[in-house]
Full PDB file with SEQRES, HELIX, SHEET, SSBOND, CRYST1, ORIGX, SCALE, CONECT and MASTER records, all heavy atoms in Angstrom:
SEQRES   1 A   36  LYS TYR LEU ARG ILE ARG ARG THR LEU GLU ALA ASN MET          
SEQRES   2 A   36  VAL LEU THR ILE GLU PRO GLY CYS TYR PHE ALA PRO LEU          
SEQRES   3 A   36  LEU MET GLU SER VAL GLY ALA LEU THR ASN                      
HELIX    1 AA1 PRO A   25  VAL A   31  1                                   7    
CRYST1    1.000    1.000    1.000  90.00  90.00  90.00 P 1           1          
ORIGX1      1.000000  0.000000  0.000000        0.00000                         
ORIGX2      0.000000  1.000000  0.000000        0.00000                         
ORIGX3      0.000000  0.000000  1.000000        0.00000                         
SCALE1      1.000000  0.000000  0.000000        0.00000                         
SCALE2      0.000000  1.000000  0.000000        0.00000                         
SCALE3      0.000000  0.000000  1.000000        0.00000                         
ATOM      1  N   LYS A   1       0.806  -1.214   0.000  1.00  0.00           N  
ATOM      2  CA  LYS A   1       0.000   0.000   0.000  1.00  0.00           C  
ATOM      3  C   LYS A   1       0.844   1.272   0.000  1.00  0.00           C  
ATOM      4  O   LYS A   1       0.511   2.254  -0.671  1.00  0.00           O  
ATOM      5  CB  LYS A   1      -0.939   0.001   1.206  1.00  0.00           C  
ATOM      6  CG  LYS A   1      -1.838   1.220   1.301  1.00  0.00           C  
ATOM      7  CD  LYS A   1      -2.777   1.123   2.496  1.00  0.00           C  
ATOM      8  CE  LYS A   1      -3.692   2.347   2.599  1.00  0.00           C  
ATOM      9  NZ  LYS A   1      -4.606   2.248   3.765  1.00  0.00           N  
ATOM     10  N   TYR A   2       1.936   1.291   0.748  1.00  0.00           N  
ATOM     11  CA  TYR A   2       2.688   2.522   0.946  1.00  0.00           C  
ATOM     12  C   TYR A   2       4.018   2.553   0.199  1.00  0.00           C  
ATOM     13  O   TYR A   2       4.862   3.402   0.481  1.00  0.00           O  
ATOM     14  CB  TYR A   2       2.936   2.746   2.440  1.00  0.00           C  
ATOM     15  CG  TYR A   2       1.667   2.962   3.227  1.00  0.00           C  
ATOM     16  CD1 TYR A   2       1.201   1.997   4.107  1.00  0.00           C  
ATOM     17  CD2 TYR A   2       0.920   4.131   3.071  1.00  0.00           C  
ATOM     18  CE1 TYR A   2       0.027   2.184   4.823  1.00  0.00           C  
ATOM     19  CE2 TYR A   2      -0.252   4.322   3.772  1.00  0.00           C  
ATOM     20  CZ  TYR A   2      -0.694   3.346   4.650  1.00  0.00           C  
ATOM     21  OH  TYR A   2      -1.851   3.540   5.352  1.00  0.00           O  
ATOM     22  N   LEU A   3       4.205   1.661  -0.767  1.00  0.00           N  
ATOM     23  CA  LEU A   3       5.456   1.675  -1.503  1.00  0.00           C  
ATOM     24  C   LEU A   3       5.579   2.917  -2.384  1.00  0.00           C  
ATOM     25  O   LEU A   3       4.614   3.305  -3.049  1.00  0.00           O  
ATOM     26  CB  LEU A   3       5.591   0.414  -2.366  1.00  0.00           C  
ATOM     27  CG  LEU A   3       6.399  -0.724  -1.734  1.00  0.00           C  
ATOM     28  CD1 LEU A   3       5.718  -1.234  -0.486  1.00  0.00           C  
ATOM     29  CD2 LEU A   3       6.642  -1.836  -2.736  1.00  0.00           C  
ATOM     30  N   ARG A   4       6.767   3.507  -2.403  1.00  0.00           N  
ATOM     31  CA  ARG A   4       7.036   4.665  -3.260  1.00  0.00           C  
ATOM     32  C   ARG A   4       7.723   4.256  -4.562  1.00  0.00           C  
ATOM     33  O   ARG A   4       8.008   5.112  -5.400  1.00  0.00           O  
ATOM     34  CB  ARG A   4       7.907   5.678  -2.509  1.00  0.00           C  
ATOM     35  CG  ARG A   4       7.204   6.311  -1.304  1.00  0.00           C  
ATOM     36  CD  ARG A   4       8.060   7.446  -0.748  1.00  0.00           C  
ATOM     37  NE  ARG A   4       7.380   8.151   0.320  1.00  0.00           N  
ATOM     38  CZ  ARG A   4       7.647   7.993   1.612  1.00  0.00           C  
ATOM     39  NH1 ARG A   4       8.564   7.122   1.986  1.00  0.00           N  
ATOM     40  NH2 ARG A   4       7.009   8.688   2.533  1.00  0.00           N  
ATOM     41  N   ILE A   5       8.021   2.981  -4.705  1.00  0.00           N  
ATOM     42  CA  ILE A   5       8.580   2.429  -5.940  1.00  0.00           C  
ATOM     43  C   ILE A   5       7.892   1.093  -6.184  1.00  0.00           C  
ATOM     44  O   ILE A   5       7.776   0.288  -5.256  1.00  0.00           O  
ATOM     45  CB  ILE A   5      10.105   2.191  -5.844  1.00  0.00           C  
ATOM     46  CG1 ILE A   5      10.847   3.460  -5.447  1.00  0.00           C  
ATOM     47  CG2 ILE A   5      10.657   1.647  -7.165  1.00  0.00           C  
ATOM     48  CD1 ILE A   5      12.309   3.226  -5.129  1.00  0.00           C  
ATOM     49  N   ARG A   6       7.470   0.839  -7.423  1.00  0.00           N  
ATOM     50  CA  ARG A   6       6.936  -0.464  -7.785  1.00  0.00           C  
ATOM     51  C   ARG A   6       7.316  -0.753  -9.237  1.00  0.00           C  
ATOM     52  O   ARG A   6       6.490  -0.685 -10.140  1.00  0.00           O  
ATOM     53  CB  ARG A   6       5.418  -0.548  -7.580  1.00  0.00           C  
ATOM     54  CG  ARG A   6       4.990  -0.363  -6.137  1.00  0.00           C  
ATOM     55  CD  ARG A   6       3.615  -0.915  -5.880  1.00  0.00           C  
ATOM     56  NE  ARG A   6       3.597  -2.372  -5.981  1.00  0.00           N  
ATOM     57  CZ  ARG A   6       2.484  -3.107  -5.849  1.00  0.00           C  
ATOM     58  NH1 ARG A   6       1.318  -2.509  -5.643  1.00  0.00           N  
ATOM     59  NH2 ARG A   6       2.535  -4.416  -5.944  1.00  0.00           N  
ATOM     60  N   ARG A   7       8.583  -1.058  -9.439  1.00  0.00           N  
ATOM     61  CA  ARG A   7       9.068  -1.301 -10.795  1.00  0.00           C  
ATOM     62  C   ARG A   7      10.372  -2.081 -10.751  1.00  0.00           C  
ATOM     63  O   ARG A   7      10.998  -2.237  -9.706  1.00  0.00           O  
ATOM     64  CB  ARG A   7       9.281   0.013 -11.537  1.00  0.00           C  
ATOM     65  CG  ARG A   7      10.333   0.925 -10.918  1.00  0.00           C  
ATOM     66  CD  ARG A   7      10.646   2.101 -11.819  1.00  0.00           C  
ATOM     67  NE  ARG A   7       9.454   2.838 -12.173  1.00  0.00           N  
ATOM     68  CZ  ARG A   7       9.284   3.454 -13.329  1.00  0.00           C  
ATOM     69  NH1 ARG A   7      10.217   3.434 -14.239  1.00  0.00           N  
ATOM     70  NH2 ARG A   7       8.173   4.117 -13.589  1.00  0.00           N  
ATOM     71  N   THR A   8      10.775  -2.544 -11.931  1.00  0.00           N  
ATOM     72  CA  THR A   8      12.074  -3.191 -12.080  1.00  0.00           C  
ATOM     73  C   THR A   8      13.170  -2.146 -11.982  1.00  0.00           C  
ATOM     74  O   THR A   8      13.068  -1.068 -12.574  1.00  0.00           O  
ATOM     75  CB  THR A   8      12.149  -3.930 -13.427  1.00  0.00           C  
ATOM     76  OG1 THR A   8      11.125  -4.936 -13.458  1.00  0.00           O  
ATOM     77  CG2 THR A   8      13.502  -4.582 -13.621  1.00  0.00           C  
ATOM     78  N   LEU A   9      14.214  -2.464 -11.246  1.00  0.00           N  
ATOM     79  CA  LEU A   9      15.296  -1.510 -11.027  1.00  0.00           C  
ATOM     80  C   LEU A   9      16.209  -1.427 -12.246  1.00  0.00           C  
ATOM     81  O   LEU A   9      16.397  -2.398 -12.968  1.00  0.00           O  
ATOM     82  CB  LEU A   9      16.102  -1.914  -9.795  1.00  0.00           C  
ATOM     83  CG  LEU A   9      15.312  -2.064  -8.487  1.00  0.00           C  
ATOM     84  CD1 LEU A   9      16.247  -2.406  -7.339  1.00  0.00           C  
ATOM     85  CD2 LEU A   9      14.527  -0.792  -8.179  1.00  0.00           C  
ATOM     86  N   GLU A  10      16.772  -0.230 -12.456  1.00  0.00           N  
ATOM     87  CA  GLU A  10      17.699   0.011 -13.560  1.00  0.00           C  
ATOM     88  C   GLU A  10      19.017   0.527 -13.014  1.00  0.00           C  
ATOM     89  O   GLU A  10      19.069   1.141 -11.939  1.00  0.00           O  
ATOM     90  CB  GLU A  10      17.111   1.033 -14.533  1.00  0.00           C  
ATOM     91  CG  GLU A  10      15.793   0.620 -15.164  1.00  0.00           C  
ATOM     92  CD  GLU A  10      15.225   1.706 -16.060  1.00  0.00           C  
ATOM     93  OE1 GLU A  10      15.882   2.051 -17.062  1.00  0.00           O  
ATOM     94  OE2 GLU A  10      14.139   2.217 -15.747  1.00  0.00           O  
ATOM     95  N   ALA A  11      20.070   0.291 -13.759  1.00  0.00           N  
ATOM     96  CA  ALA A  11      21.393   0.746 -13.342  1.00  0.00           C  
ATOM     97  C   ALA A  11      21.404   2.262 -13.168  1.00  0.00           C  
ATOM     98  O   ALA A  11      20.789   2.998 -13.944  1.00  0.00           O  
ATOM     99  CB  ALA A  11      22.441   0.316 -14.362  1.00  0.00           C  
ATOM    100  N   ASN A  12      22.091   2.710 -12.134  1.00  0.00           N  
ATOM    101  CA  ASN A  12      22.286   4.121 -11.797  1.00  0.00           C  
ATOM    102  C   ASN A  12      21.049   4.792 -11.213  1.00  0.00           C  
ATOM    103  O   ASN A  12      21.009   6.023 -11.122  1.00  0.00           O  
ATOM    104  CB  ASN A  12      22.831   4.920 -12.986  1.00  0.00           C  
ATOM    105  CG  ASN A  12      24.207   4.444 -13.407  1.00  0.00           C  
ATOM    106  OD1 ASN A  12      25.007   4.022 -12.577  1.00  0.00           O  
ATOM    107  ND2 ASN A  12      24.486   4.495 -14.688  1.00  0.00           N  
ATOM    108  N   MET A  13      20.050   4.002 -10.835  1.00  0.00           N  
ATOM    109  CA  MET A  13      19.038   4.534  -9.930  1.00  0.00           C  
ATOM    110  C   MET A  13      19.688   4.681  -8.557  1.00  0.00           C  
ATOM    111  O   MET A  13      20.490   3.840  -8.146  1.00  0.00           O  
ATOM    112  CB  MET A  13      17.829   3.608  -9.841  1.00  0.00           C  
ATOM    113  CG  MET A  13      17.010   3.510 -11.112  1.00  0.00           C  
ATOM    114  SD  MET A  13      15.643   2.291 -11.001  1.00  0.00           S  
ATOM    115  CE  MET A  13      14.544   3.104  -9.850  1.00  0.00           C  
ATOM    116  N   VAL A  14      19.349   5.752  -7.837  1.00  0.00           N  
ATOM    117  CA  VAL A  14      19.832   5.943  -6.471  1.00  0.00           C  
ATOM    118  C   VAL A  14      18.628   5.815  -5.543  1.00  0.00           C  
ATOM    119  O   VAL A  14      17.627   6.523  -5.717  1.00  0.00           O  
ATOM    120  CB  VAL A  14      20.521   7.305  -6.287  1.00  0.00           C  
ATOM    121  CG1 VAL A  14      20.935   7.505  -4.838  1.00  0.00           C  
ATOM    122  CG2 VAL A  14      21.747   7.400  -7.197  1.00  0.00           C  
ATOM    123  N   LEU A  15      18.726   4.901  -4.576  1.00  0.00           N  
ATOM    124  CA  LEU A  15      17.587   4.555  -3.731  1.00  0.00           C  
ATOM    125  C   LEU A  15      18.011   4.499  -2.267  1.00  0.00           C  
ATOM    126  O   LEU A  15      19.196   4.357  -1.951  1.00  0.00           O  
ATOM    127  CB  LEU A  15      17.043   3.171  -4.122  1.00  0.00           C  
ATOM    128  CG  LEU A  15      16.798   2.890  -5.604  1.00  0.00           C  
ATOM    129  CD1 LEU A  15      16.563   1.409  -5.809  1.00  0.00           C  
ATOM    130  CD2 LEU A  15      15.623   3.703  -6.106  1.00  0.00           C  
ATOM    131  N   THR A  16      17.023   4.581  -1.385  1.00  0.00           N  
ATOM    132  CA  THR A  16      17.277   4.249   0.011  1.00  0.00           C  
ATOM    133  C   THR A  16      16.725   2.855   0.292  1.00  0.00           C  
ATOM    134  O   THR A  16      15.711   2.444  -0.280  1.00  0.00           O  
ATOM    135  CB  THR A  16      16.603   5.240   0.973  1.00  0.00           C  
ATOM    136  OG1 THR A  16      15.171   5.131   0.857  1.00  0.00           O  
ATOM    137  CG2 THR A  16      17.027   6.669   0.669  1.00  0.00           C  
ATOM    138  N   ILE A  17      17.415   2.123   1.162  1.00  0.00           N  
ATOM    139  CA  ILE A  17      16.915   0.848   1.673  1.00  0.00           C  
ATOM    140  C   ILE A  17      16.771   1.034   3.172  1.00  0.00           C  
ATOM    141  O   ILE A  17      17.768   1.179   3.886  1.00  0.00           O  
ATOM    142  CB  ILE A  17      17.863  -0.312   1.334  1.00  0.00           C  
ATOM    143  CG1 ILE A  17      17.941  -0.487  -0.194  1.00  0.00           C  
ATOM    144  CG2 ILE A  17      17.392  -1.598   1.988  1.00  0.00           C  
ATOM    145  CD1 ILE A  17      18.838  -1.630  -0.639  1.00  0.00           C  
ATOM    146  N   GLU A  18      15.520   1.058   3.658  1.00  0.00           N  
ATOM    147  CA  GLU A  18      15.267   1.471   5.040  1.00  0.00           C  
ATOM    148  C   GLU A  18      14.178   0.634   5.718  1.00  0.00           C  
ATOM    149  O   GLU A  18      13.096   1.136   6.031  1.00  0.00           O  
ATOM    150  CB  GLU A  18      14.889   2.946   5.089  1.00  0.00           C  
ATOM    151  CG  GLU A  18      13.789   3.370   4.113  1.00  0.00           C  
ATOM    152  CD  GLU A  18      13.396   4.829   4.282  1.00  0.00           C  
ATOM    153  OE1 GLU A  18      13.062   5.229   5.418  1.00  0.00           O  
ATOM    154  OE2 GLU A  18      13.431   5.552   3.276  1.00  0.00           O  
ATOM    155  N   PRO A  19      14.453  -0.639   5.966  1.00  0.00           N  
ATOM    156  CA  PRO A  19      13.475  -1.432   6.721  1.00  0.00           C  
ATOM    157  C   PRO A  19      13.399  -0.952   8.165  1.00  0.00           C  
ATOM    158  O   PRO A  19      14.300  -0.270   8.665  1.00  0.00           O  
ATOM    159  CB  PRO A  19      14.054  -2.840   6.637  1.00  0.00           C  
ATOM    160  CG  PRO A  19      15.529  -2.618   6.532  1.00  0.00           C  
ATOM    161  CD  PRO A  19      15.684  -1.381   5.694  1.00  0.00           C  
ATOM    162  N   GLY A  20      12.329  -1.313   8.838  1.00  0.00           N  
ATOM    163  CA  GLY A  20      12.167  -0.930  10.234  1.00  0.00           C  
ATOM    164  C   GLY A  20      11.317  -1.942  10.980  1.00  0.00           C  
ATOM    165  O   GLY A  20      10.662  -2.808  10.371  1.00  0.00           O  
ATOM    166  N   CYS A  21      11.333  -1.819  12.292  1.00  0.00           N  
ATOM    167  CA  CYS A  21      10.479  -2.633  13.160  1.00  0.00           C  
ATOM    168  C   CYS A  21      10.017  -1.740  14.299  1.00  0.00           C  
ATOM    169  O   CYS A  21      10.845  -1.202  15.047  1.00  0.00           O  
ATOM    170  CB  CYS A  21      11.242  -3.836  13.694  1.00  0.00           C  
ATOM    171  SG  CYS A  21      10.244  -4.910  14.754  1.00  0.00           S  
ATOM    172  N   TYR A  22       8.702  -1.575  14.426  1.00  0.00           N  
ATOM    173  CA  TYR A  22       8.129  -0.592  15.338  1.00  0.00           C  
ATOM    174  C   TYR A  22       7.066  -1.247  16.212  1.00  0.00           C  
ATOM    175  O   TYR A  22       6.458  -2.255  15.828  1.00  0.00           O  
ATOM    176  CB  TYR A  22       7.509   0.567  14.561  1.00  0.00           C  
ATOM    177  CG  TYR A  22       8.379   1.087  13.441  1.00  0.00           C  
ATOM    178  CD1 TYR A  22       8.290   0.528  12.163  1.00  0.00           C  
ATOM    179  CD2 TYR A  22       9.299   2.101  13.661  1.00  0.00           C  
ATOM    180  CE1 TYR A  22       9.098   0.984  11.137  1.00  0.00           C  
ATOM    181  CE2 TYR A  22      10.110   2.556  12.634  1.00  0.00           C  
ATOM    182  CZ  TYR A  22      10.015   1.989  11.377  1.00  0.00           C  
ATOM    183  OH  TYR A  22      10.825   2.434  10.362  1.00  0.00           O  
ATOM    184  N   PHE A  23       6.838  -0.622  17.357  1.00  0.00           N  
ATOM    185  CA  PHE A  23       5.825  -1.127  18.288  1.00  0.00           C  
ATOM    186  C   PHE A  23       4.885   0.029  18.632  1.00  0.00           C  
ATOM    187  O   PHE A  23       4.915   0.581  19.728  1.00  0.00           O  
ATOM    188  CB  PHE A  23       6.507  -1.714  19.527  1.00  0.00           C  
ATOM    189  CG  PHE A  23       7.451  -2.834  19.199  1.00  0.00           C  
ATOM    190  CD1 PHE A  23       8.792  -2.593  18.940  1.00  0.00           C  
ATOM    191  CD2 PHE A  23       6.984  -4.135  19.092  1.00  0.00           C  
ATOM    192  CE1 PHE A  23       9.663  -3.619  18.615  1.00  0.00           C  
ATOM    193  CE2 PHE A  23       7.843  -5.175  18.760  1.00  0.00           C  
ATOM    194  CZ  PHE A  23       9.187  -4.912  18.520  1.00  0.00           C  
ATOM    195  N   ALA A  24       4.087   0.417  17.648  1.00  0.00           N  
ATOM    196  CA  ALA A  24       3.158   1.539  17.773  1.00  0.00           C  
ATOM    197  C   ALA A  24       1.811   1.022  18.273  1.00  0.00           C  
ATOM    198  O   ALA A  24       1.185   0.188  17.608  1.00  0.00           O  
ATOM    199  CB  ALA A  24       2.983   2.238  16.430  1.00  0.00           C  
ATOM    200  N   PRO A  25       1.332   1.488  19.427  1.00  0.00           N  
ATOM    201  CA  PRO A  25       0.099   0.941  20.014  1.00  0.00           C  
ATOM    202  C   PRO A  25      -1.102   0.952  19.075  1.00  0.00           C  
ATOM    203  O   PRO A  25      -1.762  -0.068  18.888  1.00  0.00           O  
ATOM    204  CB  PRO A  25      -0.120   1.837  21.235  1.00  0.00           C  
ATOM    205  CG  PRO A  25       1.239   2.333  21.598  1.00  0.00           C  
ATOM    206  CD  PRO A  25       1.965   2.496  20.301  1.00  0.00           C  
ATOM    207  N   LEU A  26      -1.393   2.096  18.470  1.00  0.00           N  
ATOM    208  CA  LEU A  26      -2.575   2.181  17.612  1.00  0.00           C  
ATOM    209  C   LEU A  26      -2.463   1.272  16.400  1.00  0.00           C  
ATOM    210  O   LEU A  26      -3.439   0.655  15.971  1.00  0.00           O  
ATOM    211  CB  LEU A  26      -2.796   3.629  17.174  1.00  0.00           C  
ATOM    212  CG  LEU A  26      -3.303   4.596  18.238  1.00  0.00           C  
ATOM    213  CD1 LEU A  26      -3.328   6.021  17.699  1.00  0.00           C  
ATOM    214  CD2 LEU A  26      -4.694   4.192  18.711  1.00  0.00           C  
ATOM    215  N   LEU A  27      -1.262   1.193  15.836  1.00  0.00           N  
ATOM    216  CA  LEU A  27      -1.076   0.360  14.654  1.00  0.00           C  
ATOM    217  C   LEU A  27      -1.207  -1.120  15.005  1.00  0.00           C  
ATOM    218  O   LEU A  27      -1.835  -1.891  14.270  1.00  0.00           O  
ATOM    219  CB  LEU A  27       0.290   0.648  14.034  1.00  0.00           C  
ATOM    220  CG  LEU A  27       0.500   0.178  12.600  1.00  0.00           C  
ATOM    221  CD1 LEU A  27      -0.562   0.762  11.683  1.00  0.00           C  
ATOM    222  CD2 LEU A  27       1.887   0.570  12.119  1.00  0.00           C  
ATOM    223  N   MET A  28      -0.624  -1.518  16.126  1.00  0.00           N  
ATOM    224  CA  MET A  28      -0.750  -2.917  16.533  1.00  0.00           C  
ATOM    225  C   MET A  28      -2.207  -3.284  16.773  1.00  0.00           C  
ATOM    226  O   MET A  28      -2.656  -4.377  16.415  1.00  0.00           O  
ATOM    227  CB  MET A  28       0.090  -3.179  17.787  1.00  0.00           C  
ATOM    228  CG  MET A  28       1.595  -3.181  17.529  1.00  0.00           C  
ATOM    229  SD  MET A  28       2.581  -3.717  18.957  1.00  0.00           S  
ATOM    230  CE  MET A  28       2.349  -2.354  20.083  1.00  0.00           C  
ATOM    231  N   GLU A  29      -2.959  -2.353  17.362  1.00  0.00           N  
ATOM    232  CA  GLU A  29      -4.385  -2.610  17.583  1.00  0.00           C  
ATOM    233  C   GLU A  29      -5.147  -2.688  16.276  1.00  0.00           C  
ATOM    234  O   GLU A  29      -5.991  -3.571  16.082  1.00  0.00           O  
ATOM    235  CB  GLU A  29      -4.979  -1.507  18.460  1.00  0.00           C  
ATOM    236  CG  GLU A  29      -4.649  -1.639  19.934  1.00  0.00           C  
ATOM    237  CD  GLU A  29      -5.489  -0.691  20.772  1.00  0.00           C  
ATOM    238  OE1 GLU A  29      -5.626   0.481  20.377  1.00  0.00           O  
ATOM    239  OE2 GLU A  29      -6.008  -1.134  21.809  1.00  0.00           O  
ATOM    240  N   SER A  30      -4.862  -1.781  15.350  1.00  0.00           N  
ATOM    241  CA  SER A  30      -5.640  -1.728  14.111  1.00  0.00           C  
ATOM    242  C   SER A  30      -5.442  -2.971  13.252  1.00  0.00           C  
ATOM    243  O   SER A  30      -6.355  -3.413  12.552  1.00  0.00           O  
ATOM    244  CB  SER A  30      -5.261  -0.476  13.313  1.00  0.00           C  
ATOM    245  OG  SER A  30      -3.941  -0.574  12.813  1.00  0.00           O  
ATOM    246  N   VAL A  31      -4.245  -3.545  13.292  1.00  0.00           N  
ATOM    247  CA  VAL A  31      -3.970  -4.752  12.513  1.00  0.00           C  
ATOM    248  C   VAL A  31      -4.381  -6.011  13.274  1.00  0.00           C  
ATOM    249  O   VAL A  31      -4.444  -7.103  12.701  1.00  0.00           O  
ATOM    250  CB  VAL A  31      -2.476  -4.794  12.119  1.00  0.00           C  
ATOM    251  CG1 VAL A  31      -2.127  -6.046  11.344  1.00  0.00           C  
ATOM    252  CG2 VAL A  31      -2.114  -3.570  11.284  1.00  0.00           C  
ATOM    253  N   GLY A  32      -4.660  -5.872  14.570  1.00  0.00           N  
ATOM    254  CA  GLY A  32      -5.090  -7.010  15.375  1.00  0.00           C  
ATOM    255  C   GLY A  32      -3.964  -7.755  16.039  1.00  0.00           C  
ATOM    256  O   GLY A  32      -4.153  -8.885  16.532  1.00  0.00           O  
ATOM    257  N   ALA A  33      -2.778  -7.143  16.103  1.00  0.00           N  
ATOM    258  CA  ALA A  33      -1.615  -7.845  16.649  1.00  0.00           C  
ATOM    259  C   ALA A  33      -1.708  -8.087  18.146  1.00  0.00           C  
ATOM    260  O   ALA A  33      -1.014  -8.951  18.682  1.00  0.00           O  
ATOM    261  CB  ALA A  33      -0.342  -7.059  16.331  1.00  0.00           C  
ATOM    262  N   LEU A  34      -2.560  -7.321  18.845  1.00  0.00           N  
ATOM    263  CA  LEU A  34      -2.667  -7.472  20.297  1.00  0.00           C  
ATOM    264  C   LEU A  34      -3.697  -8.514  20.714  1.00  0.00           C  
ATOM    265  O   LEU A  34      -3.776  -8.878  21.888  1.00  0.00           O  
ATOM    266  CB  LEU A  34      -3.005  -6.126  20.942  1.00  0.00           C  
ATOM    267  CG  LEU A  34      -1.969  -5.009  20.737  1.00  0.00           C  
ATOM    268  CD1 LEU A  34      -2.447  -3.717  21.361  1.00  0.00           C  
ATOM    269  CD2 LEU A  34      -0.621  -5.413  21.316  1.00  0.00           C  
ATOM    270  N   THR A  35      -4.496  -8.999  19.768  1.00  0.00           N  
ATOM    271  CA  THR A  35      -5.561  -9.947  20.106  1.00  0.00           C  
ATOM    272  C   THR A  35      -5.525 -11.223  19.276  1.00  0.00           C  
ATOM    273  O   THR A  35      -6.207 -12.194  19.610  1.00  0.00           O  
ATOM    274  CB  THR A  35      -6.939  -9.288  19.925  1.00  0.00           C  
ATOM    275  OG1 THR A  35      -7.057  -8.797  18.578  1.00  0.00           O  
ATOM    276  CG2 THR A  35      -7.110  -8.122  20.898  1.00  0.00           C  
ATOM    277  N   ASN A  36      -4.744 -11.252  18.202  1.00  0.00           N  
ATOM    278  CA  ASN A  36      -4.732 -12.401  17.300  1.00  0.00           C  
ATOM    279  C   ASN A  36      -4.056 -13.604  17.959  1.00  0.00           C  
ATOM    280  O   ASN A  36      -3.027 -13.468  18.624  1.00  0.00           O  
ATOM    281  CB  ASN A  36      -3.994 -12.029  16.007  1.00  0.00           C  
ATOM    282  CG  ASN A  36      -4.276 -13.003  14.887  1.00  0.00           C  
ATOM    283  OD1 ASN A  36      -3.987 -14.194  14.988  1.00  0.00           O  
ATOM    284  ND2 ASN A  36      -4.834 -12.499  13.795  1.00  0.00           N  
TER     285      ASN A  36                                                      
MASTER        0    0    0    1    0    0    0    6  284    1    0    3          
END                                                                             
C-alpha cells in the first residue's frame, strides 16, 4: 500500500533501503496484533 517504488530496477538509480520494526500501540491494535 505505501510503496514509493513499484518497478524493475535500472542501473544508476539511487535509492534508500530502510526497513524498520516498530511497536506503535494504535497500529498494533488496528492490525489485530494485540488480540490475534
